[in-house]
N, C-alpha and C. Protein backbone atom coordinates (compact mmCIF):
# COMPACT_ATOMS: atom_id res chain seq x y z
N MET A 1 2.89 19.03 -5.56
CA MET A 1 3.67 18.53 -4.44
C MET A 1 2.96 17.33 -3.82
N ASN A 2 3.74 16.32 -3.46
CA ASN A 2 3.12 15.18 -2.79
C ASN A 2 3.02 15.45 -1.30
N GLY A 3 2.35 14.61 -0.57
CA GLY A 3 2.09 14.85 0.84
C GLY A 3 2.91 14.00 1.77
N GLN A 4 4.15 13.68 1.39
CA GLN A 4 4.98 12.80 2.22
C GLN A 4 5.77 13.55 3.29
N ASN A 5 5.97 14.85 3.13
CA ASN A 5 6.74 15.64 4.09
C ASN A 5 5.81 16.52 4.92
N ARG A 6 5.90 16.38 6.23
CA ARG A 6 5.03 17.11 7.15
C ARG A 6 5.22 18.62 7.03
N LYS A 7 6.47 19.07 6.77
CA LYS A 7 6.76 20.50 6.71
C LYS A 7 6.05 21.19 5.54
N ASP A 8 5.64 20.44 4.53
CA ASP A 8 4.96 21.01 3.36
C ASP A 8 3.47 21.25 3.58
N ILE A 9 2.93 20.68 4.66
CA ILE A 9 1.49 20.74 4.91
C ILE A 9 1.19 21.74 6.02
N LYS A 10 0.32 22.68 5.74
CA LYS A 10 -0.06 23.71 6.71
C LYS A 10 -1.56 23.59 7.02
N ILE A 11 -1.94 24.02 8.23
CA ILE A 11 -3.36 24.07 8.59
C ILE A 11 -4.07 25.03 7.64
N GLY A 12 -5.19 24.60 7.10
CA GLY A 12 -5.95 25.43 6.17
C GLY A 12 -5.58 25.21 4.71
N ALA A 13 -4.52 24.44 4.45
CA ALA A 13 -4.09 24.19 3.07
C ALA A 13 -5.11 23.31 2.34
N LEU A 14 -5.26 23.55 1.04
CA LEU A 14 -6.14 22.73 0.20
C LEU A 14 -5.36 21.51 -0.27
N VAL A 15 -5.89 20.32 0.06
CA VAL A 15 -5.20 19.07 -0.26
C VAL A 15 -6.16 18.04 -0.83
N ASP A 16 -5.59 17.06 -1.51
CA ASP A 16 -6.34 15.88 -1.94
C ASP A 16 -5.84 14.71 -1.10
N ILE A 17 -6.77 14.03 -0.44
CA ILE A 17 -6.41 12.88 0.39
C ILE A 17 -7.09 11.63 -0.12
N VAL A 18 -6.54 10.49 0.28
CA VAL A 18 -7.21 9.22 0.02
C VAL A 18 -7.72 8.72 1.36
N LEU A 19 -9.02 8.49 1.44
CA LEU A 19 -9.65 7.97 2.65
C LEU A 19 -9.34 6.48 2.77
N LYS A 20 -9.41 5.96 3.99
CA LYS A 20 -9.13 4.54 4.23
C LYS A 20 -10.01 3.65 3.34
N LYS A 21 -11.30 4.00 3.23
CA LYS A 21 -12.23 3.18 2.44
C LYS A 21 -11.95 3.26 0.93
N ASP A 22 -11.20 4.28 0.50
CA ASP A 22 -10.91 4.47 -0.92
C ASP A 22 -9.50 4.06 -1.31
N GLN A 23 -8.75 3.43 -0.40
CA GLN A 23 -7.36 3.09 -0.70
C GLN A 23 -7.23 2.12 -1.87
N ARG A 24 -8.16 1.20 -2.00
CA ARG A 24 -8.09 0.24 -3.11
C ARG A 24 -8.31 0.90 -4.46
N THR A 25 -9.25 1.85 -4.52
CA THR A 25 -9.57 2.49 -5.79
C THR A 25 -8.69 3.71 -6.06
N GLY A 26 -8.14 4.31 -5.01
CA GLY A 26 -7.31 5.50 -5.17
C GLY A 26 -8.11 6.77 -5.35
N LYS A 27 -9.42 6.72 -5.08
CA LYS A 27 -10.28 7.90 -5.21
C LYS A 27 -9.83 8.98 -4.23
N LEU A 28 -9.70 10.20 -4.73
CA LEU A 28 -9.22 11.31 -3.91
C LEU A 28 -10.38 12.18 -3.43
N THR A 29 -10.22 12.75 -2.24
CA THR A 29 -11.19 13.66 -1.65
C THR A 29 -10.47 14.97 -1.39
N ARG A 30 -11.07 16.09 -1.83
CA ARG A 30 -10.43 17.40 -1.68
C ARG A 30 -11.02 18.13 -0.48
N GLY A 31 -10.15 18.82 0.25
CA GLY A 31 -10.61 19.60 1.38
C GLY A 31 -9.48 20.40 2.00
N HIS A 32 -9.81 21.13 3.05
CA HIS A 32 -8.84 21.96 3.77
C HIS A 32 -8.41 21.26 5.05
N VAL A 33 -7.11 21.33 5.35
CA VAL A 33 -6.55 20.67 6.51
C VAL A 33 -7.02 21.34 7.80
N LYS A 34 -7.61 20.54 8.67
CA LYS A 34 -8.04 21.02 9.99
C LYS A 34 -6.98 20.68 11.04
N LYS A 35 -6.43 19.45 10.92
CA LYS A 35 -5.47 18.97 11.91
C LYS A 35 -4.51 17.99 11.24
N ILE A 36 -3.23 18.08 11.61
CA ILE A 36 -2.22 17.13 11.12
C ILE A 36 -2.08 16.03 12.17
N LEU A 37 -2.32 14.78 11.77
CA LEU A 37 -2.36 13.67 12.73
C LEU A 37 -1.06 12.88 12.81
N THR A 38 -0.24 12.91 11.76
CA THR A 38 1.03 12.19 11.77
C THR A 38 2.09 13.02 12.48
N ASN A 39 2.78 12.42 13.43
CA ASN A 39 3.82 13.14 14.18
C ASN A 39 5.18 13.13 13.49
N SER A 40 5.48 12.08 12.72
CA SER A 40 6.80 12.00 12.09
C SER A 40 6.91 13.01 10.95
N GLN A 41 8.14 13.37 10.60
CA GLN A 41 8.39 14.38 9.58
C GLN A 41 8.18 13.85 8.16
N PHE A 42 8.23 12.53 8.00
CA PHE A 42 8.08 11.91 6.67
C PHE A 42 7.28 10.63 6.80
N HIS A 43 6.40 10.39 5.83
CA HIS A 43 5.69 9.10 5.77
C HIS A 43 5.56 8.72 4.30
N PRO A 44 5.99 7.51 3.91
CA PRO A 44 6.00 7.12 2.50
C PRO A 44 4.61 7.05 1.85
N HIS A 45 3.56 6.84 2.66
CA HIS A 45 2.21 6.75 2.11
C HIS A 45 1.46 8.07 2.20
N GLY A 46 2.09 9.09 2.75
CA GLY A 46 1.45 10.39 2.90
C GLY A 46 1.15 10.69 4.36
N ILE A 47 1.22 11.97 4.69
CA ILE A 47 0.95 12.43 6.06
C ILE A 47 -0.56 12.34 6.31
N LYS A 48 -0.94 11.79 7.45
CA LYS A 48 -2.35 11.65 7.78
C LYS A 48 -2.89 12.96 8.35
N VAL A 49 -4.01 13.42 7.80
CA VAL A 49 -4.63 14.67 8.25
C VAL A 49 -6.13 14.49 8.43
N MET A 50 -6.73 15.46 9.14
CA MET A 50 -8.19 15.54 9.26
C MET A 50 -8.62 16.78 8.48
N LEU A 51 -9.65 16.62 7.67
CA LEU A 51 -10.18 17.75 6.89
C LEU A 51 -11.25 18.49 7.68
N GLU A 52 -11.40 19.78 7.37
CA GLU A 52 -12.46 20.60 7.98
C GLU A 52 -13.83 20.09 7.58
N GLU A 53 -13.94 19.59 6.36
CA GLU A 53 -15.21 19.10 5.83
C GLU A 53 -15.54 17.73 6.42
N GLU A 54 -16.52 17.68 7.28
CA GLU A 54 -17.04 16.44 7.86
C GLU A 54 -15.99 15.65 8.66
N ASP A 55 -14.91 16.29 9.07
CA ASP A 55 -13.85 15.64 9.85
C ASP A 55 -13.36 14.34 9.22
N GLN A 56 -13.22 14.33 7.90
CA GLN A 56 -12.73 13.14 7.20
C GLN A 56 -11.23 13.00 7.44
N VAL A 57 -10.75 11.76 7.58
CA VAL A 57 -9.36 11.48 7.87
C VAL A 57 -8.78 10.65 6.74
N GLY A 58 -7.60 11.04 6.27
CA GLY A 58 -6.92 10.28 5.23
C GLY A 58 -5.50 10.77 5.06
N ARG A 59 -4.80 10.15 4.11
CA ARG A 59 -3.40 10.49 3.84
C ARG A 59 -3.31 11.42 2.63
N VAL A 60 -2.50 12.46 2.79
CA VAL A 60 -2.34 13.47 1.74
C VAL A 60 -1.61 12.87 0.55
N GLN A 61 -2.21 13.02 -0.64
CA GLN A 61 -1.60 12.57 -1.88
C GLN A 61 -1.08 13.75 -2.69
N ILE A 62 -1.85 14.85 -2.68
CA ILE A 62 -1.50 16.03 -3.46
C ILE A 62 -1.77 17.28 -2.62
N ILE A 63 -0.82 18.22 -2.64
CA ILE A 63 -1.04 19.52 -2.02
C ILE A 63 -1.38 20.48 -3.14
N ALA A 64 -2.63 20.92 -3.19
CA ALA A 64 -3.09 21.83 -4.25
C ALA A 64 -2.63 23.24 -3.92
N GLU A 65 -2.20 23.98 -4.95
CA GLU A 65 -1.74 25.35 -4.70
C GLU A 65 -2.43 26.33 -5.59
């Protein structure tokens, strides 16, 4: 599942995000969602979240299940 719909993302879910510094390379970082930062229900580049691990912030690319 991609991370464009807010309703698909839950607190504690395992996700792959792209950090701001990695947007050019597309390198993904895996972690658990601590906080959902995007208020809108849909975002074409992915919903922005904060991970529990080191409070990293990025846009969800993949929701791991």
